[in-house]
Protein backbone atom coordinates (compact mmCIF):
# COMPACT_ATOMS: atom_id res chain seq x y z
CA UNK A 1 189.20 -53.59 -118.15
CA UNK A 2 190.82 -51.13 -115.77
CA UNK A 3 189.03 -50.27 -112.56
CA UNK A 4 190.86 -47.59 -110.57
CA UNK A 5 191.43 -47.96 -106.88
CA UNK A 6 188.81 -45.95 -104.79
CA UNK A 7 190.50 -43.30 -102.86
CA UNK A 8 189.08 -40.94 -100.24
CA UNK A 9 188.12 -37.47 -101.55
CA UNK A 10 190.49 -34.51 -100.47
CA UNK A 11 189.34 -32.24 -97.92
CA UNK A 12 191.34 -29.21 -99.04
CA UNK A 13 190.36 -25.57 -99.34
CA UNK A 14 191.60 -23.09 -101.91
CA UNK A 15 191.22 -19.48 -102.83
CA UNK A 16 190.97 -19.55 -106.59
CA UNK A 17 187.92 -18.49 -108.63
CA UNK A 18 186.16 -20.87 -110.98
CA UNK A 19 184.48 -19.91 -114.11
CA UNK A 20 180.88 -18.81 -113.72
CA UNK A 21 179.47 -21.28 -116.28
CA UNK A 22 180.74 -24.53 -114.82
CA UNK A 23 184.24 -25.99 -115.07
CA UNK A 24 185.00 -25.00 -118.57
CA UNK A 25 186.39 -21.58 -118.95
CA UNK A 26 185.24 -19.51 -121.94
CA UNK A 27 182.12 -18.39 -120.19
CA UNK A 28 181.64 -15.73 -117.64
CA UNK A 29 177.84 -15.86 -117.97
CA UNK A 30 175.57 -16.79 -115.12
CA UNK A 31 174.46 -15.12 -111.96
CA UNK A 32 172.56 -11.84 -111.92
CA UNK A 33 169.25 -10.74 -113.42
CA UNK A 34 169.22 -10.62 -117.21
CA UNK A 35 167.15 -8.26 -119.43
CA UNK A 36 164.72 -8.80 -122.17
CA UNK A 37 164.65 -7.09 -125.57
CA UNK A 38 162.02 -5.57 -127.74
CA UNK A 39 159.36 -7.44 -129.62
CA UNK A 40 160.42 -9.19 -132.77
CA UNK A 41 159.80 -7.31 -136.12
CA UNK A 42 159.63 -10.60 -138.02
CA UNK A 43 159.49 -14.32 -137.64
CA UNK A 44 162.29 -15.50 -139.91
CA UNK A 45 164.28 -16.91 -136.98
CA UNK A 46 161.45 -17.77 -134.65
CA UNK A 47 161.98 -20.97 -132.65
CA UNK A 48 161.60 -24.35 -134.28
CA UNK A 49 161.16 -27.30 -131.94
CA UNK A 50 163.18 -30.49 -132.39
CA UNK A 51 164.93 -33.15 -130.60
CA UNK A 52 168.45 -32.99 -132.09
CA UNK A 53 170.57 -30.04 -131.00
CA UNK A 54 173.45 -28.73 -133.20
CA UNK A 55 176.08 -26.15 -132.36
CA UNK A 56 176.53 -23.25 -134.85
CA UNK A 57 180.26 -22.71 -135.52
CA UNK A 58 181.94 -19.84 -133.78
CA UNK A 59 183.64 -18.77 -136.98
CA UNK A 60 184.59 -15.37 -135.78
CA UNK A 61 186.07 -16.83 -132.53
CA UNK A 62 184.11 -15.14 -129.85
CA UNK A 63 184.99 -17.84 -127.32
CA UNK A 64 188.32 -18.49 -125.67
CA UNK A 65 190.25 -21.67 -126.42
CA UNK A 66 189.18 -24.00 -123.61
CA UNK A 67 190.89 -27.03 -125.11
CA UNK A 68 191.70 -30.13 -122.91
CA UNK A 69 195.22 -29.86 -121.59
CA UNK A 70 197.14 -32.04 -119.19
CA UNK A 71 198.44 -30.41 -115.96
CA UNK A 72 201.26 -32.02 -114.11
CA UNK A 73 203.32 -30.99 -111.12
CA UNK A 74 206.62 -29.78 -112.51
CA UNK A 75 208.58 -31.98 -109.97
CA UNK A 76 206.55 -35.05 -111.12
CA UNK A 77 207.24 -34.27 -114.84
CA UNK A 78 210.98 -33.87 -114.37
CA UNK A 79 211.37 -37.04 -112.32
CA UNK A 80 209.22 -39.05 -114.82
CA UNK A 81 210.15 -38.37 -118.48
CA UNK A 82 207.77 -40.74 -119.82
CA UNK A 83 204.75 -39.21 -118.07
CA UNK A 84 204.09 -36.11 -120.13
CA UNK A 85 204.44 -37.83 -123.50
CA UNK A 86 201.87 -40.39 -122.43
CA UNK A 87 199.30 -37.66 -121.58
CA UNK A 88 200.16 -35.71 -124.81
CA UNK A 89 199.22 -38.90 -126.66
CA UNK A 90 195.74 -38.51 -125.26
CA UNK A 91 195.71 -34.88 -126.33
CA UNK A 92 196.68 -35.97 -129.85
CA UNK A 93 193.94 -38.65 -130.12
CA UNK A 94 190.92 -37.01 -128.53
CA UNK A 95 188.46 -34.93 -130.58
CA UNK A 96 185.55 -32.86 -129.36
CA UNK A 97 183.11 -35.22 -131.32
CA UNK A 98 184.59 -38.17 -129.34
CA UNK A 99 184.30 -36.20 -126.11
CA UNK A 100 180.54 -35.72 -126.94
CA UNK A 101 180.13 -39.42 -127.48
CA UNK A 102 182.00 -40.39 -124.28
CA UNK A 103 179.87 -37.97 -122.23
CA UNK A 104 176.61 -39.36 -123.83
CA UNK A 105 177.79 -42.91 -122.98
CA UNK A 106 177.85 -41.98 -119.37
CA UNK A 107 175.06 -39.41 -118.97
CA UNK A 108 172.51 -40.86 -121.43
CA UNK A 109 173.41 -44.51 -121.77
CA UNK A 110 174.31 -44.88 -118.11
CA UNK A 111 177.58 -46.62 -118.54
CA UNK A 112 180.37 -46.00 -115.99
CA UNK A 113 183.02 -43.40 -116.64
CA UNK A 114 185.70 -46.11 -115.88
CA UNK A 115 184.27 -48.48 -118.42
CA UNK A 116 183.86 -45.63 -121.17
CA UNK A 117 187.39 -44.28 -120.63
CA UNK A 118 188.87 -47.84 -120.68
CA UNK A 119 187.08 -48.58 -123.91
CA UNK A 120 188.26 -45.40 -125.55
CA UNK A 121 191.90 -46.06 -124.46
CA UNK A 122 191.80 -49.65 -125.92
CA UNK A 123 190.02 -48.56 -129.17
CA UNK A 124 192.04 -45.37 -129.90
CA UNK A 125 195.52 -47.01 -130.14
CA UNK A 126 196.84 -44.28 -127.91
CA UNK A 127 199.04 -46.64 -126.01
CA UNK A 128 201.01 -47.82 -129.07
CA UNK A 129 204.72 -47.13 -128.60
CA UNK A 130 204.59 -45.25 -125.40
CA UNK A 131 207.81 -44.64 -123.48
CA UNK A 132 207.92 -46.60 -120.21
CA UNK A 133 208.05 -45.24 -116.68
CA UNK A 134 207.28 -46.45 -113.22
CA UNK A 135 205.88 -45.50 -109.79
CA UNK A 136 202.53 -44.28 -108.40
CA UNK A 137 200.73 -41.44 -109.89
CA UNK A 138 197.48 -39.95 -108.59
CA UNK A 139 195.19 -38.32 -111.39
CA UNK A 140 192.64 -35.91 -109.98
CA UNK A 141 189.04 -35.60 -111.30
CA UNK A 142 186.47 -32.87 -110.63
CA UNK A 143 182.94 -33.74 -109.76
CA UNK A 144 181.37 -33.96 -113.23
CA UNK A 145 181.21 -36.60 -115.92
CA UNK A 146 183.56 -35.24 -118.41
CA UNK A 147 186.46 -34.64 -115.94
CA UNK A 148 185.98 -38.23 -114.53
CA UNK A 149 186.14 -39.74 -117.95
CA UNK A 150 189.26 -37.75 -118.91
CA UNK A 151 191.03 -38.67 -115.55
CA UNK A 152 190.36 -42.31 -116.11
CA UNK A 153 191.63 -42.02 -119.62
CA UNK A 154 194.76 -40.40 -118.41
CA UNK A 155 195.13 -43.07 -115.71
CA UNK A 156 194.56 -45.82 -118.36
CA UNK A 157 197.19 -44.49 -120.61
CA UNK A 158 199.64 -43.99 -117.74
CA UNK A 159 199.15 -47.59 -116.56
CA UNK A 160 200.02 -48.76 -120.15
CA UNK A 161 203.19 -46.59 -119.93
CA UNK A 162 204.36 -48.51 -116.78
CA UNK A 163 202.95 -46.32 -114.06
CA UNK A 164 200.72 -47.29 -111.30
CA UNK A 165 197.90 -44.84 -111.72
CA UNK A 166 194.82 -44.23 -109.63
CA UNK A 167 192.07 -41.74 -109.85
CA UNK A 168 190.88 -39.47 -107.08
CA UNK A 169 187.77 -37.25 -107.32
CA UNK A 170 188.40 -33.90 -105.68
CA UNK A 171 185.73 -31.47 -106.40
CA UNK A 172 185.88 -28.08 -107.95
CA UNK A 173 188.87 -25.99 -108.98
CA UNK A 174 189.02 -24.18 -105.56
CA UNK A 175 189.85 -27.58 -104.03
CA UNK A 176 191.96 -29.36 -106.64
CA UNK A 177 194.20 -26.55 -107.97
CA UNK A 178 196.01 -25.89 -104.72
CA UNK A 179 196.22 -29.75 -104.15
CA UNK A 180 197.76 -30.14 -107.63
CA UNK A 181 200.08 -27.18 -107.09
CA UNK A 182 201.31 -28.81 -103.74
CA UNK A 183 201.88 -32.10 -105.54
CA UNK A 184 201.31 -34.06 -102.29
CA UNK A 185 197.86 -35.60 -102.98
CA UNK A 186 197.61 -35.09 -106.77
CA UNK A 187 200.20 -35.07 -109.62
CA UNK A 188 198.14 -34.92 -112.80
CA UNK A 189 194.84 -33.28 -113.73
CA UNK A 190 192.88 -32.87 -117.02
CA UNK A 191 192.45 -29.13 -117.41
CA UNK A 192 190.74 -26.50 -119.61
CA UNK A 193 193.27 -24.34 -121.22
CA UNK A 194 191.57 -20.82 -120.97
CA UNK A 195 190.05 -21.50 -117.64
CA UNK A 196 193.11 -22.55 -115.88
CA UNK A 197 195.10 -19.77 -117.56
CA UNK A 198 192.79 -17.15 -116.21
CA UNK A 199 192.56 -18.92 -112.74
CA UNK A 200 196.17 -18.73 -112.33
CA UNK A 201 196.32 -15.20 -113.66
CA UNK A 202 193.93 -14.13 -111.02
CA UNK A 203 195.86 -16.01 -108.34
CA UNK A 204 199.05 -14.35 -109.16
CA UNK A 205 198.02 -10.99 -110.45
CA UNK A 206 194.88 -9.96 -108.52
CA UNK A 207 191.17 -10.38 -109.03
CA UNK A 208 190.81 -8.45 -112.15
CA UNK A 209 194.05 -8.92 -114.17
CA UNK A 210 194.51 -8.17 -117.86
CA UNK A 211 193.12 -11.31 -119.68
CA UNK A 212 195.74 -13.78 -121.09
CA UNK A 213 193.45 -16.38 -122.56
CA UNK A 214 192.21 -15.86 -126.13
CA UNK A 215 190.65 -17.91 -128.99
CA UNK A 216 194.18 -18.86 -130.13
CA UNK A 217 194.99 -22.15 -128.36
CA UNK A 218 198.74 -21.92 -128.97
CA UNK A 219 198.96 -18.26 -127.86
CA UNK A 220 196.96 -19.03 -124.77
CA UNK A 221 199.31 -21.96 -124.01
CA UNK A 222 202.31 -19.67 -124.52
CA UNK A 223 200.83 -17.12 -122.07
CA UNK A 224 199.95 -19.88 -119.55
CA UNK A 225 203.69 -21.09 -119.26
CA UNK A 226 205.06 -18.17 -117.31
CA UNK A 227 202.22 -18.47 -114.83
CA UNK A 228 202.66 -22.14 -114.52
CA UNK A 229 206.41 -21.79 -113.83
CA UNK A 230 205.61 -19.46 -110.91
CA UNK A 231 203.51 -22.17 -109.23
CA UNK A 232 205.38 -25.30 -110.19
CA UNK A 233 203.11 -26.72 -112.76
CA UNK A 234 203.85 -27.99 -116.21
CA UNK A 235 201.21 -28.23 -119.05
CA UNK A 236 201.20 -30.57 -121.97
CA UNK A 237 200.05 -30.19 -125.44
CA UNK A 238 196.42 -28.83 -125.86
CA UNK A 239 194.03 -31.29 -127.51
CA UNK A 240 191.79 -30.44 -130.39
CA UNK A 241 189.04 -31.60 -127.96
CA UNK A 242 187.49 -28.60 -126.19
CA UNK A 243 184.64 -27.74 -123.84
CA UNK A 244 183.69 -24.07 -124.13
CA UNK A 245 180.66 -21.96 -124.59
CA UNK A 246 178.68 -22.72 -127.66
CA UNK A 247 175.33 -21.70 -129.04
CA UNK A 248 172.88 -24.47 -130.11
CA UNK A 249 169.80 -24.56 -132.22
CA UNK A 250 167.65 -27.48 -133.32
CA UNK A 251 168.56 -29.31 -136.42
CA UNK A 252 165.20 -28.33 -137.88
CA UNK A 253 165.91 -24.64 -137.25
CA UNK A 254 169.45 -24.82 -138.79
CA UNK A 255 168.16 -26.82 -141.85
CA UNK A 256 165.31 -24.41 -142.39
CA UNK A 257 167.57 -21.41 -142.57
CA UNK A 258 170.50 -23.28 -144.21
CA UNK A 259 172.98 -22.16 -141.50
CA UNK A 260 175.87 -23.87 -139.87
CA UNK A 261 177.84 -20.79 -138.55
CA UNK A 262 177.02 -17.82 -136.29
CA UNK A 263 177.91 -15.51 -139.12
CA UNK A 264 175.35 -17.09 -141.43
CA UNK A 265 172.84 -16.89 -138.60
CA UNK A 266 173.50 -13.14 -138.28
CA UNK A 267 172.98 -12.69 -142.08
CA UNK A 268 169.76 -14.75 -142.04
CA UNK A 269 168.11 -13.14 -138.95
CA UNK A 270 168.39 -9.53 -139.66
CA UNK A 271 164.71 -9.09 -138.90
CA UNK A 272 165.51 -9.28 -135.11
CA UNK A 273 163.29 -12.44 -134.54
CA UNK A 274 165.92 -14.40 -132.64
CA UNK A 275 164.90 -15.51 -129.07
CA UNK A 276 168.01 -16.25 -126.92
CA UNK A 277 168.07 -18.52 -123.85
CA UNK A 278 170.70 -18.85 -121.25
CA UNK A 279 171.77 -17.84 -117.71
CA UNK A 280 170.79 -14.56 -115.96
CA UNK A 281 173.93 -12.67 -116.68
CA UNK A 282 174.07 -13.66 -120.41
CA UNK A 283 172.72 -10.28 -121.81
CA UNK A 284 175.74 -8.30 -120.38
CA UNK A 285 178.42 -10.96 -120.84
CA UNK A 286 181.03 -10.74 -123.65
CA UNK A 287 180.86 -14.58 -124.06
CA UNK A 288 177.24 -14.53 -124.29
CA UNK A 289 174.55 -12.11 -125.63
CA UNK A 290 176.69 -8.92 -125.57
CA UNK A 291 179.48 -10.65 -127.48
CA UNK A 292 177.10 -11.94 -129.96
CA UNK A 293 175.80 -8.59 -130.56
CA UNK A 294 179.22 -6.94 -130.70
CA UNK A 295 181.22 -9.63 -132.61
CA UNK A 296 178.50 -10.87 -135.02
CA UNK A 297 176.04 -8.04 -135.15
CA UNK A 298 173.22 -10.45 -134.03
CA UNK A 299 170.04 -8.72 -132.75
CA UNK A 300 167.50 -10.39 -130.47
CA UNK A 301 163.87 -10.07 -129.89
CA UNK A 302 164.10 -11.28 -126.41
CA UNK A 303 166.34 -12.95 -123.84
CA UNK A 304 164.85 -15.74 -121.59
CA UNK A 305 166.54 -16.67 -118.50
CA UNK A 306 167.16 -20.35 -117.86
CA UNK A 307 170.49 -21.98 -116.70
CA UNK A 308 174.21 -21.99 -117.76
CA UNK A 309 174.29 -24.66 -120.37
CA UNK A 310 172.07 -26.90 -118.40
CA UNK A 311 168.92 -28.97 -118.85
CA UNK A 312 166.51 -26.00 -118.77
CA UNK A 313 168.24 -24.14 -121.59
CA UNK A 314 168.45 -27.27 -123.70
CA UNK A 315 164.87 -28.21 -123.01
CA UNK A 316 163.79 -24.69 -124.03
CA UNK A 317 165.62 -25.08 -127.39
CA UNK A 318 164.12 -28.47 -128.00
CA UNK A 319 160.57 -27.36 -127.10
CA UNK A 320 160.73 -24.27 -129.21
CA UNK A 321 160.70 -21.71 -126.52
CA UNK A 322 163.87 -20.08 -127.70
CA UNK A 323 165.61 -20.02 -131.19
CA UNK A 324 169.01 -20.66 -129.67
CA UNK A 325 170.68 -21.08 -126.32
CA UNK A 326 173.95 -21.26 -124.53
CA UNK A 327 175.29 -24.84 -124.07
CA UNK A 328 178.70 -26.36 -123.79
CA UNK A 329 180.53 -27.57 -126.83
CA UNK A 330 181.04 -31.15 -125.62
CA UNK A 331 177.58 -31.59 -124.07
CA UNK A 332 176.13 -35.16 -124.27
CA UNK A 333 172.99 -33.71 -125.65
CA UNK A 334 174.84 -32.91 -128.93
CA UNK A 335 175.46 -36.58 -129.62
CA UNK A 336 174.09 -37.57 -133.06
């Protein structure tokens, strides 16, 4: 079982903005005071307590495509032709459901991220037929479970492809993106497609540029490439696996209404009885309540302020304090 070498964290500063709802990038919810709604006119979609959380499909594509995508310094990619194909093999094999299970293995079952990643690499068959390369490669990881798992999966696959890969935990995007762009201390990073696109967009085009990211992963990837070229980065193929804003209900709530999508929820809840939970800015944000109202025509009896996809929001859904709440699509709490 692969155990990556321990390396000292980087002490670098950057100037880039991170997404307001954590490291994944569809969300811009979280921060200022939210607002409540009017009293419910019915109780069709009143909260239903339960342990199992399920995400309702975003069938009208409100959220941006925050698929996992490998980021590599262009100089490293050019000097090591076998590197990007090895990382793309991870993209091709990983699914969101697998990502949920991997996160649950660490966050709930208390296994180490290194062990969980190594087991996935071994069981997935992702190392079969890899081109071979050589030389040291440092893979960066941000300071949360999923990023650490993905970084170790990347490193395991690169080791199998003949490289000498190690993992270095760096911190948030303000720290690691400048380090990756410099290429001195990091050469590879597991990124989130929409988030990194808009981070580079802001860096290169000002604080409030015209958005490039969308719900279309390929179109977002195409829009990212010219930005990446300007800073010396190369991005691989986006994975099906994604971590983006999602809206969860209890299994009991979904089963009672017979809904699996947000469109079905809007049809079922026309009496305005939904209670929504999330971060403070959710009522005004286009990826949260405002977007649900505009895109889906959902109406809410009330908004209740908790956190951005965190334990407070999830507990409020499970305990029947709200009908639905903002979570992240690869959250360990979604494991079946």
